[in-house]
N, C-alpha and C. Protein backbone atom coordinates (compact mmCIF):
# COMPACT_ATOMS: atom_id res chain seq x y z
N MET A 1 -1.78 -14.00 -24.86
CA MET A 1 -1.10 -13.08 -23.99
C MET A 1 -2.02 -11.90 -23.65
N LEU A 2 -2.78 -11.46 -24.62
CA LEU A 2 -3.69 -10.35 -24.39
C LEU A 2 -4.74 -10.71 -23.34
N SER A 3 -5.21 -11.94 -23.35
CA SER A 3 -6.21 -12.34 -22.37
C SER A 3 -5.59 -12.39 -20.97
N GLN A 4 -4.30 -12.73 -20.86
CA GLN A 4 -3.63 -12.74 -19.57
C GLN A 4 -3.52 -11.31 -19.02
N VAL A 5 -3.19 -10.38 -19.88
CA VAL A 5 -3.10 -8.98 -19.47
C VAL A 5 -4.48 -8.49 -19.03
N SER A 6 -5.49 -8.84 -19.78
CA SER A 6 -6.85 -8.44 -19.46
C SER A 6 -7.29 -9.04 -18.12
N SER A 7 -6.95 -10.29 -17.90
CA SER A 7 -7.28 -10.97 -16.64
C SER A 7 -6.55 -10.33 -15.47
N PHE A 8 -5.27 -10.01 -15.67
CA PHE A 8 -4.48 -9.36 -14.63
C PHE A 8 -5.11 -8.01 -14.28
N ARG A 9 -5.49 -7.26 -15.30
CA ARG A 9 -6.09 -5.94 -15.10
C ARG A 9 -7.40 -6.06 -14.32
N ALA A 10 -8.21 -7.03 -14.64
CA ALA A 10 -9.48 -7.24 -13.95
C ALA A 10 -9.25 -7.57 -12.48
N ARG A 11 -8.25 -8.42 -12.20
CA ARG A 11 -7.92 -8.76 -10.81
C ARG A 11 -7.45 -7.53 -10.04
N LYS A 12 -6.58 -6.75 -10.65
CA LYS A 12 -6.07 -5.54 -9.99
C LYS A 12 -7.20 -4.55 -9.74
N ASP A 13 -8.08 -4.37 -10.72
CA ASP A 13 -9.22 -3.46 -10.54
C ASP A 13 -10.10 -3.91 -9.38
N ALA A 14 -10.31 -5.23 -9.26
CA ALA A 14 -11.12 -5.76 -8.16
C ALA A 14 -10.43 -5.55 -6.82
N GLU A 15 -9.11 -5.74 -6.77
CA GLU A 15 -8.37 -5.52 -5.53
C GLU A 15 -8.44 -4.05 -5.10
N ILE A 16 -8.29 -3.15 -6.05
CA ILE A 16 -8.35 -1.73 -5.74
C ILE A 16 -9.74 -1.36 -5.25
N ALA A 17 -10.77 -1.86 -5.91
CA ALA A 17 -12.15 -1.57 -5.48
C ALA A 17 -12.38 -2.05 -4.05
N ALA A 18 -11.86 -3.22 -3.72
CA ALA A 18 -12.02 -3.76 -2.36
C ALA A 18 -11.25 -2.90 -1.35
N MET A 19 -10.05 -2.44 -1.71
CA MET A 19 -9.27 -1.60 -0.79
C MET A 19 -9.94 -0.25 -0.56
N ARG A 20 -10.59 0.28 -1.58
CA ARG A 20 -11.24 1.59 -1.45
C ARG A 20 -12.39 1.59 -0.45
N ILE A 21 -13.03 0.44 -0.28
CA ILE A 21 -14.18 0.41 0.65
C ILE A 21 -13.83 -0.20 2.00
N ARG A 22 -12.63 -0.77 2.13
CA ARG A 22 -12.22 -1.39 3.39
C ARG A 22 -11.72 -0.33 4.36
N GLU A 23 -12.55 -0.02 5.36
CA GLU A 23 -12.13 0.94 6.38
C GLU A 23 -10.97 0.36 7.17
N LEU A 24 -10.05 1.22 7.55
CA LEU A 24 -8.86 0.78 8.24
C LEU A 24 -8.58 1.72 9.41
N PRO A 25 -8.91 1.28 10.62
CA PRO A 25 -8.62 2.12 11.80
C PRO A 25 -7.11 2.36 11.92
N PRO A 26 -6.73 3.49 12.50
CA PRO A 26 -5.31 3.81 12.63
C PRO A 26 -4.48 2.69 13.29
N ALA A 27 -5.01 2.03 14.30
CA ALA A 27 -4.26 0.96 14.96
C ALA A 27 -3.95 -0.18 14.00
N HIS A 28 -4.87 -0.50 13.13
CA HIS A 28 -4.63 -1.55 12.14
C HIS A 28 -3.61 -1.10 11.11
N ALA A 29 -3.69 0.16 10.71
CA ALA A 29 -2.73 0.69 9.74
C ALA A 29 -1.32 0.64 10.33
N HIS A 30 -1.19 1.03 11.58
CA HIS A 30 0.13 1.01 12.22
C HIS A 30 0.65 -0.42 12.35
N HIS A 31 -0.23 -1.34 12.65
CA HIS A 31 0.15 -2.76 12.72
C HIS A 31 0.71 -3.22 11.37
N LEU A 32 0.04 -2.86 10.29
CA LEU A 32 0.49 -3.26 8.96
C LEU A 32 1.83 -2.62 8.59
N MET A 33 2.04 -1.40 9.06
CA MET A 33 3.33 -0.74 8.81
C MET A 33 4.46 -1.52 9.49
N VAL A 34 4.23 -1.94 10.73
CA VAL A 34 5.24 -2.71 11.45
C VAL A 34 5.46 -4.06 10.77
N GLU A 35 4.38 -4.69 10.33
CA GLU A 35 4.51 -5.98 9.63
C GLU A 35 5.29 -5.81 8.33
N ALA A 36 5.15 -4.69 7.68
CA ALA A 36 5.91 -4.43 6.45
C ALA A 36 7.40 -4.37 6.74
N ILE A 37 7.76 -3.82 7.88
CA ILE A 37 9.18 -3.77 8.27
C ILE A 37 9.66 -5.18 8.58
N ARG A 38 8.87 -5.93 9.34
CA ARG A 38 9.25 -7.31 9.69
C ARG A 38 9.42 -8.19 8.45
N ALA A 39 8.62 -7.94 7.42
CA ALA A 39 8.68 -8.74 6.19
C ALA A 39 9.72 -8.19 5.20
N ASN A 40 10.48 -7.19 5.64
CA ASN A 40 11.51 -6.57 4.78
C ASN A 40 10.92 -5.95 3.53
N VAL A 41 9.69 -5.49 3.62
CA VAL A 41 9.05 -4.78 2.51
C VAL A 41 9.37 -3.30 2.61
N LEU A 42 9.53 -2.84 3.84
CA LEU A 42 9.80 -1.43 4.10
C LEU A 42 10.99 -1.32 5.04
N PRO A 43 12.01 -0.55 4.66
CA PRO A 43 13.10 -0.32 5.62
C PRO A 43 12.57 0.50 6.80
N ALA A 44 13.01 0.18 7.99
CA ALA A 44 12.55 0.90 9.18
C ALA A 44 12.81 2.40 9.06
N SER A 45 13.84 2.77 8.34
CA SER A 45 14.16 4.19 8.18
C SER A 45 13.08 4.96 7.41
N ARG A 46 12.23 4.24 6.67
CA ARG A 46 11.17 4.90 5.90
C ARG A 46 9.83 4.94 6.63
N LEU A 47 9.76 4.28 7.77
CA LEU A 47 8.50 4.26 8.52
C LEU A 47 7.97 5.66 8.81
N PRO A 48 8.80 6.60 9.26
CA PRO A 48 8.26 7.94 9.53
C PRO A 48 7.60 8.57 8.30
N LYS A 49 8.17 8.34 7.12
CA LYS A 49 7.59 8.90 5.89
C LYS A 49 6.25 8.24 5.55
N VAL A 50 6.15 6.92 5.74
CA VAL A 50 4.89 6.24 5.48
C VAL A 50 3.83 6.75 6.46
N MET A 51 4.21 6.88 7.73
CA MET A 51 3.27 7.40 8.73
C MET A 51 2.80 8.81 8.37
N GLU A 52 3.72 9.63 7.95
CA GLU A 52 3.37 11.00 7.56
C GLU A 52 2.42 11.01 6.36
N SER A 53 2.71 10.17 5.38
CA SER A 53 1.86 10.09 4.20
C SER A 53 0.47 9.55 4.54
N TRP A 54 0.40 8.63 5.50
CA TRP A 54 -0.88 8.08 5.96
C TRP A 54 -1.66 9.13 6.76
N GLU A 55 -0.97 9.82 7.66
CA GLU A 55 -1.63 10.77 8.55
C GLU A 55 -1.98 12.09 7.87
N GLU A 56 -1.20 12.47 6.88
CA GLU A 56 -1.43 13.72 6.17
C GLU A 56 -1.29 13.49 4.67
N PRO A 57 -2.29 12.83 4.06
CA PRO A 57 -2.19 12.51 2.63
C PRO A 57 -2.07 13.76 1.77
N LYS A 58 -1.28 13.66 0.70
CA LYS A 58 -1.09 14.78 -0.22
C LYS A 58 -2.30 14.98 -1.13
N HIS A 59 -3.09 13.93 -1.31
CA HIS A 59 -4.21 13.99 -2.23
C HIS A 59 -5.52 13.74 -1.48
N GLU A 60 -6.51 14.52 -1.79
CA GLU A 60 -7.81 14.46 -1.12
C GLU A 60 -8.43 13.06 -1.17
N GLU A 61 -8.25 12.35 -2.27
CA GLU A 61 -8.87 11.03 -2.40
C GLU A 61 -8.33 10.00 -1.41
N PHE A 62 -7.19 10.31 -0.77
CA PHE A 62 -6.62 9.37 0.20
C PHE A 62 -6.88 9.78 1.65
N VAL A 63 -7.71 10.78 1.85
CA VAL A 63 -8.07 11.21 3.20
C VAL A 63 -8.92 10.16 3.94
N PRO A 64 -9.88 9.49 3.29
CA PRO A 64 -10.63 8.46 4.01
C PRO A 64 -9.67 7.38 4.53
N ARG A 65 -9.95 6.90 5.73
CA ARG A 65 -9.08 5.90 6.35
C ARG A 65 -9.44 4.52 5.83
N THR A 66 -8.87 4.18 4.68
CA THR A 66 -9.14 2.90 4.03
C THR A 66 -7.83 2.19 3.71
N ALA A 67 -7.96 0.93 3.34
CA ALA A 67 -6.78 0.17 2.91
C ALA A 67 -6.14 0.82 1.69
N TRP A 68 -6.96 1.41 0.83
CA TRP A 68 -6.46 2.10 -0.36
C TRP A 68 -5.57 3.29 0.03
N SER A 69 -5.97 4.01 1.06
CA SER A 69 -5.17 5.14 1.54
C SER A 69 -3.82 4.67 2.06
N LEU A 70 -3.83 3.57 2.82
CA LEU A 70 -2.56 3.04 3.34
C LEU A 70 -1.68 2.54 2.20
N PHE A 71 -2.26 1.84 1.26
CA PHE A 71 -1.51 1.36 0.10
C PHE A 71 -0.81 2.54 -0.59
N ASN A 72 -1.53 3.62 -0.73
CA ASN A 72 -0.97 4.79 -1.40
C ASN A 72 0.06 5.51 -0.55
N ALA A 73 -0.05 5.42 0.77
CA ALA A 73 0.99 5.97 1.65
C ALA A 73 2.31 5.24 1.39
N PHE A 74 2.23 3.90 1.30
CA PHE A 74 3.43 3.11 0.98
C PHE A 74 3.95 3.47 -0.41
N THR A 75 3.05 3.58 -1.36
CA THR A 75 3.44 3.88 -2.74
C THR A 75 4.14 5.23 -2.83
N GLU A 76 3.61 6.21 -2.13
CA GLU A 76 4.19 7.55 -2.14
C GLU A 76 5.64 7.52 -1.66
N VAL A 77 5.89 6.77 -0.62
CA VAL A 77 7.23 6.68 -0.06
C VAL A 77 8.16 5.86 -0.95
N GLN A 78 7.63 4.82 -1.58
CA GLN A 78 8.45 3.95 -2.43
C GLN A 78 8.84 4.60 -3.75
N LYS A 79 8.21 5.70 -4.10
CA LYS A 79 8.53 6.36 -5.37
C LYS A 79 10.01 6.69 -5.50
N GLY A 80 10.69 6.92 -4.39
CA GLY A 80 12.11 7.26 -4.44
C GLY A 80 13.03 6.07 -4.50
N SER A 81 12.50 4.84 -4.46
CA SER A 81 13.33 3.63 -4.47
C SER A 81 13.61 3.18 -5.90
N PRO A 82 14.68 2.42 -6.08
CA PRO A 82 14.96 1.87 -7.40
C PRO A 82 13.80 0.99 -7.88
N ALA A 83 13.52 1.01 -9.16
CA ALA A 83 12.38 0.30 -9.74
C ALA A 83 12.42 -1.20 -9.47
N ARG A 84 13.56 -1.83 -9.56
CA ARG A 84 13.66 -3.27 -9.36
C ARG A 84 13.22 -3.64 -7.94
N ALA A 85 13.66 -2.89 -6.96
CA ALA A 85 13.27 -3.16 -5.57
C ALA A 85 11.78 -2.96 -5.39
N ASN A 86 11.21 -1.94 -6.01
CA ASN A 86 9.78 -1.68 -5.89
C ASN A 86 8.96 -2.83 -6.43
N GLY A 87 9.36 -3.41 -7.54
CA GLY A 87 8.61 -4.50 -8.14
C GLY A 87 8.53 -5.71 -7.23
N ARG A 88 9.64 -6.07 -6.63
CA ARG A 88 9.64 -7.22 -5.72
C ARG A 88 8.83 -6.92 -4.47
N LYS A 89 9.01 -5.75 -3.92
CA LYS A 89 8.34 -5.41 -2.67
C LYS A 89 6.84 -5.25 -2.84
N SER A 90 6.42 -4.78 -3.99
CA SER A 90 4.99 -4.56 -4.19
C SER A 90 4.22 -5.86 -4.28
N GLN A 91 4.93 -6.98 -4.46
CA GLN A 91 4.28 -8.28 -4.55
C GLN A 91 3.95 -8.84 -3.17
N ALA A 92 4.51 -8.26 -2.12
CA ALA A 92 4.25 -8.75 -0.76
C ALA A 92 2.77 -8.56 -0.43
N GLN A 93 2.22 -9.54 0.23
CA GLN A 93 0.81 -9.50 0.61
C GLN A 93 0.69 -9.50 2.12
N PHE A 94 -0.20 -8.69 2.63
CA PHE A 94 -0.49 -8.66 4.04
C PHE A 94 -1.96 -8.94 4.25
N SER A 95 -2.28 -9.62 5.31
CA SER A 95 -3.68 -9.87 5.64
C SER A 95 -4.17 -8.73 6.50
N LEU A 96 -5.27 -8.15 6.09
CA LEU A 96 -5.85 -7.09 6.90
C LEU A 96 -6.51 -7.70 8.11
N PRO A 97 -6.30 -7.08 9.26
CA PRO A 97 -6.92 -7.61 10.49
C PRO A 97 -8.43 -7.48 10.45
């Protein structure tokens, strides 16, 4: 079981590293936001908050326009959702254009 946790952690670290260097133009970010609504990952009512978090990040490390910044915009908005819903929704995968 410990090796599974270690393997999971290594995969997540690699995914985060890839997101941190993947530049994401605003048009692509907006496309992914719309796709999140279509996939029922994000309620349409929360789109303005995700856009706000993307356009005006609360933390300096999310100012660069990267996939990591967009991921964190979604995360910031999802903080107010019930934990069970967050777990299912966070498993959704989107292909970056």
